[in-house]
C-alpha cells in the first residue's frame, strides 16, 4: 500500500505522514508539496523513509483534474472508503509534544 499526501511539508500533514509510516513498516508514502524539502523535513522523515529528490520523481500533472472531486478533500469519503479515522486533536497534539521532547532529549545526549 502507498499513501499519497499533498501538502506534506505543512505541520499537520507531515505529522500525519510520519505517524502513518511508523505505524505501517514496509509501506511507503508519496508526498507532493509546492514547497521544496528543506533540511529539517529531510531530518524529520529520514528515520522512517528514504527521501527521493523531486528531480528524480516521475510526476505528471493533469490540468483537467483541478475541479470537482479532484480539487477538494472529502474527509467523510476518505473515512468511508479507507476506514481511516483521525486521532483526536488532543491526542495528536500530545504525541507531537512528546516527540519534540524526546528529540530534544536525544539531541542533548539523553539529559
N, C-alpha and C. Protein backbone atom coordinates (compact mmCIF):
# COMPACT_ATOMS: atom_id res chain seq x y z
N UNK A 1 0.84 -1.17 0.00
CA UNK A 1 0.00 0.00 0.00
C UNK A 1 0.89 1.23 0.00
N UNK A 2 0.44 2.26 -0.72
CA UNK A 2 1.14 3.53 -0.77
C UNK A 2 0.17 4.63 -0.38
N UNK A 3 0.61 5.50 0.53
CA UNK A 3 -0.18 6.64 0.95
C UNK A 3 0.25 7.85 0.14
N UNK A 4 -0.71 8.54 -0.48
CA UNK A 4 -0.42 9.76 -1.21
C UNK A 4 -0.86 10.93 -0.35
N UNK A 5 0.07 11.86 -0.10
CA UNK A 5 -0.21 13.01 0.76
C UNK A 5 0.15 14.28 0.02
N UNK A 6 -0.80 15.20 -0.08
CA UNK A 6 -0.49 16.51 -0.64
C UNK A 6 -0.33 17.48 0.52
N UNK A 7 0.58 18.43 0.36
CA UNK A 7 0.82 19.40 1.43
C UNK A 7 1.59 18.80 2.59
N UNK A 8 2.43 17.82 2.32
CA UNK A 8 3.10 17.08 3.39
C UNK A 8 4.21 17.86 4.08
N UNK A 9 4.58 19.02 3.58
CA UNK A 9 5.60 19.80 4.26
C UNK A 9 4.98 20.73 5.30
N UNK A 10 3.66 20.79 5.36
CA UNK A 10 2.99 21.54 6.41
C UNK A 10 3.01 20.73 7.71
N UNK A 11 2.77 21.40 8.82
CA UNK A 11 2.87 20.75 10.13
C UNK A 11 1.93 19.55 10.26
N UNK A 12 0.66 19.75 10.02
CA UNK A 12 -0.32 18.68 10.24
C UNK A 12 -0.05 17.49 9.35
N UNK A 13 0.14 17.72 8.06
CA UNK A 13 0.30 16.59 7.14
C UNK A 13 1.66 15.90 7.31
N UNK A 14 2.69 16.64 7.73
CA UNK A 14 3.97 15.98 7.97
C UNK A 14 3.87 15.06 9.18
N UNK A 15 3.16 15.49 10.23
CA UNK A 15 2.96 14.64 11.40
C UNK A 15 2.14 13.41 11.03
N UNK A 16 1.06 13.62 10.29
CA UNK A 16 0.21 12.51 9.86
C UNK A 16 1.01 11.51 9.03
N UNK A 17 1.80 12.00 8.10
CA UNK A 17 2.58 11.12 7.23
C UNK A 17 3.59 10.31 8.02
N UNK A 18 4.31 10.97 8.90
CA UNK A 18 5.32 10.24 9.69
C UNK A 18 4.65 9.21 10.60
N UNK A 19 3.57 9.57 11.26
CA UNK A 19 2.88 8.61 12.12
C UNK A 19 2.38 7.42 11.32
N UNK A 20 1.89 7.67 10.11
CA UNK A 20 1.41 6.57 9.27
C UNK A 20 2.57 5.66 8.90
N UNK A 21 3.71 6.24 8.54
CA UNK A 21 4.88 5.42 8.18
C UNK A 21 5.37 4.61 9.38
N UNK A 22 5.37 5.22 10.56
CA UNK A 22 5.79 4.49 11.76
C UNK A 22 4.84 3.34 12.08
N UNK A 23 3.55 3.54 11.84
CA UNK A 23 2.55 2.51 12.14
C UNK A 23 2.46 1.44 11.06
N UNK A 24 3.06 1.69 9.90
CA UNK A 24 2.96 0.77 8.77
C UNK A 24 4.34 0.48 8.19
N UNK A 25 5.19 -0.24 8.95
CA UNK A 25 6.54 -0.53 8.44
C UNK A 25 6.47 -1.28 7.11
N UNK A 26 7.36 -0.94 6.23
CA UNK A 26 7.39 -1.60 4.93
C UNK A 26 6.49 -0.96 3.89
N UNK A 27 5.63 -0.07 4.31
CA UNK A 27 4.76 0.67 3.37
C UNK A 27 5.49 1.94 2.95
N UNK A 28 4.93 2.65 2.00
CA UNK A 28 5.58 3.88 1.57
C UNK A 28 4.56 5.00 1.42
N UNK A 29 5.09 6.21 1.48
CA UNK A 29 4.25 7.39 1.30
C UNK A 29 4.85 8.23 0.18
N UNK A 30 3.98 8.73 -0.67
CA UNK A 30 4.38 9.66 -1.71
C UNK A 30 3.82 11.00 -1.30
N UNK A 31 4.69 11.98 -1.17
CA UNK A 31 4.25 13.30 -0.74
C UNK A 31 4.45 14.31 -1.86
N UNK A 32 3.45 15.13 -2.04
CA UNK A 32 3.51 16.19 -3.05
C UNK A 32 3.31 17.52 -2.34
N UNK A 33 4.15 18.47 -2.64
CA UNK A 33 4.02 19.77 -2.00
C UNK A 33 4.61 20.82 -2.92
N UNK A 34 4.06 22.02 -2.85
CA UNK A 34 4.61 23.10 -3.66
C UNK A 34 5.92 23.62 -3.07
N UNK A 35 6.19 23.31 -1.80
CA UNK A 35 7.43 23.73 -1.16
C UNK A 35 8.50 22.67 -1.37
N UNK A 36 9.73 23.13 -1.46
CA UNK A 36 10.85 22.20 -1.55
C UNK A 36 11.07 21.56 -0.17
N UNK A 37 11.69 20.40 -0.18
CA UNK A 37 12.01 19.70 1.06
C UNK A 37 13.24 20.37 1.67
N UNK A 38 13.05 20.99 2.83
CA UNK A 38 14.18 21.66 3.48
C UNK A 38 14.93 20.66 4.37
N UNK A 39 16.10 21.04 4.87
CA UNK A 39 16.89 20.11 5.70
C UNK A 39 16.13 19.59 6.92
N UNK A 40 15.32 20.42 7.56
CA UNK A 40 14.56 19.96 8.73
C UNK A 40 13.58 18.87 8.34
N UNK A 41 12.93 19.01 7.19
CA UNK A 41 11.98 17.99 6.73
C UNK A 41 12.72 16.70 6.39
N UNK A 42 13.88 16.80 5.76
CA UNK A 42 14.67 15.60 5.46
C UNK A 42 15.04 14.86 6.74
N UNK A 43 15.46 15.62 7.76
CA UNK A 43 15.80 15.01 9.05
C UNK A 43 14.58 14.37 9.70
N UNK A 44 13.44 15.04 9.59
CA UNK A 44 12.21 14.55 10.22
C UNK A 44 11.76 13.22 9.62
N UNK A 45 11.86 13.09 8.30
CA UNK A 45 11.41 11.87 7.64
C UNK A 45 12.48 10.78 7.54
N UNK A 46 13.75 11.13 7.71
CA UNK A 46 14.82 10.15 7.49
C UNK A 46 14.73 8.90 8.36
N UNK A 47 14.22 8.96 9.61
CA UNK A 47 14.14 7.71 10.38
C UNK A 47 13.10 6.72 9.84
N UNK A 48 12.14 7.19 9.07
CA UNK A 48 11.06 6.30 8.64
C UNK A 48 11.02 6.02 7.15
N UNK A 49 11.71 6.82 6.34
CA UNK A 49 11.63 6.60 4.89
C UNK A 49 12.75 7.34 4.17
N UNK A 50 13.25 6.76 3.08
CA UNK A 50 14.21 7.49 2.26
C UNK A 50 13.48 8.64 1.53
N UNK A 51 14.22 9.67 1.25
CA UNK A 51 13.65 10.82 0.55
C UNK A 51 14.20 10.86 -0.87
N UNK A 52 13.30 10.89 -1.84
CA UNK A 52 13.69 10.96 -3.25
C UNK A 52 13.63 12.42 -3.68
N UNK A 53 14.71 12.96 -4.22
CA UNK A 53 14.67 14.35 -4.66
C UNK A 53 13.62 14.56 -5.75
N UNK A 54 12.99 15.74 -5.78
CA UNK A 54 11.92 15.99 -6.75
C UNK A 54 12.33 15.77 -8.20
N UNK A 55 13.57 16.06 -8.52
CA UNK A 55 14.01 15.89 -9.91
C UNK A 55 14.06 14.42 -10.33
N UNK A 56 14.04 13.51 -9.37
CA UNK A 56 14.03 12.08 -9.67
C UNK A 56 12.63 11.48 -9.66
N UNK A 57 11.66 12.25 -9.19
CA UNK A 57 10.29 11.76 -9.13
C UNK A 57 9.63 11.89 -10.49
N UNK A 58 8.80 10.93 -10.83
CA UNK A 58 8.07 10.98 -12.09
C UNK A 58 6.66 11.45 -11.79
N UNK A 59 6.41 12.72 -12.03
CA UNK A 59 5.11 13.31 -11.72
C UNK A 59 4.51 13.86 -13.00
N UNK A 60 3.28 13.49 -13.26
CA UNK A 60 2.55 14.01 -14.40
C UNK A 60 1.40 14.84 -13.85
N UNK A 61 1.35 16.10 -14.21
CA UNK A 61 0.28 16.97 -13.73
C UNK A 61 -0.76 17.11 -14.83
N UNK A 62 -1.99 16.81 -14.49
CA UNK A 62 -3.09 16.88 -15.43
C UNK A 62 -3.97 18.08 -15.07
N UNK A 63 -3.87 19.16 -15.84
CA UNK A 63 -4.62 20.38 -15.55
C UNK A 63 -6.13 20.19 -15.64
N UNK A 64 -6.59 19.13 -16.28
CA UNK A 64 -8.04 18.92 -16.38
C UNK A 64 -8.63 18.41 -15.07
N UNK A 65 -7.78 17.99 -14.14
CA UNK A 65 -8.26 17.40 -12.89
C UNK A 65 -8.17 18.38 -11.72
N UNK A 66 -8.48 19.64 -11.94
CA UNK A 66 -8.37 20.64 -10.89
C UNK A 66 -9.70 21.01 -10.27
N UNK A 67 -10.79 20.56 -10.81
CA UNK A 67 -12.10 20.92 -10.30
C UNK A 67 -12.85 19.69 -9.81
N UNK A 68 -14.01 19.93 -9.25
CA UNK A 68 -14.86 18.83 -8.81
C UNK A 68 -14.22 18.03 -7.71
N UNK A 69 -14.41 16.72 -7.73
CA UNK A 69 -13.91 15.89 -6.64
C UNK A 69 -12.39 15.88 -6.57
N UNK A 70 -11.69 16.23 -7.66
CA UNK A 70 -10.23 16.22 -7.64
C UNK A 70 -9.67 17.49 -7.03
N UNK A 71 -10.48 18.52 -6.89
CA UNK A 71 -9.97 19.79 -6.38
C UNK A 71 -10.27 20.02 -4.92
N UNK A 72 -10.84 19.06 -4.23
CA UNK A 72 -11.21 19.26 -2.82
C UNK A 72 -11.00 17.97 -2.04
N UNK A 73 -10.80 18.14 -0.76
CA UNK A 73 -10.65 16.99 0.13
C UNK A 73 -12.02 16.63 0.69
N UNK A 74 -12.34 15.39 0.74
CA UNK A 74 -13.60 14.94 1.28
C UNK A 74 -13.29 13.92 2.38
N UNK A 75 -13.15 14.41 3.62
CA UNK A 75 -12.76 13.53 4.71
C UNK A 75 -13.79 12.44 4.97
N UNK A 76 -15.07 12.77 4.80
CA UNK A 76 -16.10 11.75 5.02
C UNK A 76 -15.90 10.59 4.05
N UNK A 77 -15.60 10.90 2.79
CA UNK A 77 -15.39 9.85 1.79
C UNK A 77 -14.12 9.06 2.11
N UNK A 78 -13.07 9.74 2.53
CA UNK A 78 -11.83 9.05 2.87
C UNK A 78 -12.07 8.09 4.03
N UNK A 79 -12.79 8.56 5.06
CA UNK A 79 -13.08 7.69 6.20
C UNK A 79 -13.92 6.49 5.78
N UNK A 80 -14.91 6.72 4.94
CA UNK A 80 -15.78 5.63 4.49
C UNK A 80 -15.01 4.62 3.64
N UNK A 81 -14.21 5.11 2.71
CA UNK A 81 -13.54 4.23 1.75
C UNK A 81 -12.31 3.52 2.31
N UNK A 82 -11.68 4.09 3.33
CA UNK A 82 -10.43 3.52 3.82
C UNK A 82 -10.48 3.07 5.28
N UNK A 83 -11.56 3.36 5.97
CA UNK A 83 -11.71 3.06 7.40
C UNK A 83 -10.71 3.86 8.24
N UNK A 84 -10.12 4.90 7.67
CA UNK A 84 -9.19 5.76 8.41
C UNK A 84 -9.97 6.72 9.29
N UNK A 85 -9.46 6.92 10.49
CA UNK A 85 -10.05 7.91 11.38
C UNK A 85 -8.92 8.76 11.95
N UNK A 86 -9.07 10.07 11.92
CA UNK A 86 -8.02 10.90 12.52
C UNK A 86 -8.01 10.71 14.03
N UNK A 87 -6.83 10.82 14.61
CA UNK A 87 -6.77 10.76 16.07
C UNK A 87 -7.39 12.02 16.63
N UNK A 88 -7.93 11.96 17.83
CA UNK A 88 -8.45 13.18 18.44
C UNK A 88 -7.34 14.24 18.51
N UNK A 89 -7.70 15.48 18.33
CA UNK A 89 -6.71 16.57 18.27
C UNK A 89 -5.84 16.57 19.53
N UNK A 90 -6.45 16.41 20.69
CA UNK A 90 -5.69 16.42 21.94
C UNK A 90 -4.62 15.32 21.93
N UNK A 91 -4.98 14.13 21.49
CA UNK A 91 -4.05 13.01 21.45
C UNK A 91 -2.92 13.28 20.44
N UNK A 92 -3.26 13.79 19.26
CA UNK A 92 -2.25 14.09 18.25
C UNK A 92 -1.31 15.19 18.73
N UNK A 93 -1.86 16.20 19.39
CA UNK A 93 -1.04 17.29 19.91
C UNK A 93 -0.06 16.78 20.95
N UNK A 94 -0.55 15.97 21.90
CA UNK A 94 0.33 15.44 22.95
C UNK A 94 1.39 14.50 22.36
N UNK A 95 1.04 13.74 21.35
CA UNK A 95 2.03 12.87 20.70
C UNK A 95 3.13 13.71 20.05
N UNK A 96 2.74 14.82 19.46
CA UNK A 96 3.73 15.70 18.83
C UNK A 96 4.65 16.32 19.89
N UNK A 97 4.06 16.78 20.99
CA UNK A 97 4.85 17.37 22.07
C UNK A 97 5.80 16.32 22.66
N UNK A 98 5.32 15.10 22.86
CA UNK A 98 6.17 14.02 23.36
C UNK A 98 7.33 13.75 22.41
N UNK A 99 7.03 13.76 21.10
CA UNK A 99 8.08 13.53 20.10
C UNK A 99 9.12 14.66 20.16
N UNK A 100 8.65 15.90 20.27
CA UNK A 100 9.58 17.04 20.37
C UNK A 100 10.46 16.92 21.61
N UNK A 101 9.86 16.58 22.74
CA UNK A 101 10.63 16.44 23.99
C UNK A 101 11.67 15.33 23.86
N UNK A 102 11.29 14.19 23.28
CA UNK A 102 12.23 13.08 23.10
C UNK A 102 13.35 13.46 22.14
N UNK A 103 13.02 14.22 21.10
CA UNK A 103 14.04 14.66 20.14
C UNK A 103 15.03 15.60 20.79
N UNK A 104 14.52 16.52 21.59
CA UNK A 104 15.42 17.45 22.30
C UNK A 104 16.30 16.70 23.29
N UNK A 105 15.71 15.74 23.99
CA UNK A 105 16.49 14.96 24.95
C UNK A 105 17.59 14.19 24.24
N UNK A 106 17.26 13.58 23.11
CA UNK A 106 18.26 12.83 22.34
C UNK A 106 19.35 13.77 21.82
N UNK A 107 18.96 14.96 21.38
CA UNK A 107 19.93 15.94 20.87
C UNK A 107 20.87 16.42 21.99
N UNK A 108 20.37 16.42 23.23
CA UNK A 108 21.16 16.85 24.38
C UNK A 108 21.94 15.71 24.99
N UNK A 109 21.99 14.58 24.32
CA UNK A 109 22.73 13.43 24.82
C UNK A 109 22.02 12.66 25.91
N UNK A 110 20.69 12.73 25.94
CA UNK A 110 19.92 11.97 26.91
C UNK A 110 19.72 12.67 28.24
N UNK A 111 20.14 13.92 28.33
CA UNK A 111 19.97 14.66 29.59
C UNK A 111 18.60 15.24 29.69
